[in-house]
């Protein structure tokens, strides 16, 4: 069972957008690309973590 298939792709996209928006409000000095890179890293780590704990 793939972790991402439990969620609608548009829901994930909206979640990412809302996180970006929140970060933009709280840390206006950060550039969007820095935030995006950090988000991609977090998502990648989460996905690999879920893949490692779910039985093959």
Protein backbone atom coordinates (compact mmCIF):
# COMPACT_ATOMS: atom_id res chain seq x y z
CA UNK A 1 0.00 0.00 0.00
CA UNK A 2 1.51 3.27 -1.09
CA UNK A 3 1.22 6.06 1.46
CA UNK A 4 0.37 8.70 -1.12
CA UNK A 5 -2.58 6.76 -2.49
CA UNK A 6 -4.51 7.28 0.75
CA UNK A 7 -4.66 10.97 -0.06
CA UNK A 8 -5.99 12.89 -2.99
CA UNK A 9 -3.20 14.62 -4.91
CA UNK A 10 -5.08 17.93 -4.81
CA UNK A 11 -5.40 17.66 -1.02
CA UNK A 12 -1.63 17.25 -0.75
CA UNK A 13 -1.13 20.21 -3.05
CA UNK A 14 -3.49 22.38 -1.00
CA UNK A 15 -1.70 21.31 2.17
CA UNK A 16 1.66 22.32 0.69
CA UNK A 17 0.23 25.66 -0.43
CA UNK A 18 -1.22 26.38 2.99
CA UNK A 19 2.10 25.51 4.68
CA UNK A 20 3.89 27.82 2.25
CA UNK A 21 1.39 30.57 3.01
CA UNK A 22 1.76 30.17 6.79
CA UNK A 23 5.55 30.18 6.55
CA UNK A 24 5.45 33.25 4.29
CA UNK A 25 3.44 35.15 6.91
CA UNK A 26 5.60 34.09 9.84
CA UNK A 27 8.99 34.40 8.13
CA UNK A 28 8.74 37.11 5.46
CA UNK A 29 12.52 37.34 5.13
CA UNK A 30 12.76 33.78 3.82
CA UNK A 31 12.63 33.40 0.08
CA UNK A 32 9.90 31.11 -1.35
CA UNK A 33 12.55 28.91 -3.00
CA UNK A 34 14.24 28.26 0.34
CA UNK A 35 10.88 27.34 1.85
CA UNK A 36 10.03 25.14 -1.11
CA UNK A 37 13.36 23.32 -0.89
CA UNK A 38 12.84 22.71 2.82
CA UNK A 39 9.30 21.46 2.19
CA UNK A 40 10.47 19.07 -0.51
CA UNK A 41 13.08 17.68 1.88
CA UNK A 42 10.49 17.22 4.63
CA UNK A 43 8.02 15.53 2.29
CA UNK A 44 10.75 13.27 0.88
CA UNK A 45 11.85 12.22 4.38
CA UNK A 46 8.25 11.57 5.42
CA UNK A 47 7.54 9.48 2.33
CA UNK A 48 10.67 7.37 2.80
CA UNK A 49 9.83 7.00 6.50
CA UNK A 50 6.30 5.77 5.72
CA UNK A 51 7.64 3.43 3.04
CA UNK A 52 10.07 1.96 5.56
CA UNK A 53 7.40 1.30 8.22
CA UNK A 54 4.72 -0.06 5.89
CA UNK A 55 5.02 -3.78 5.17
CA UNK A 56 6.08 -4.61 1.64
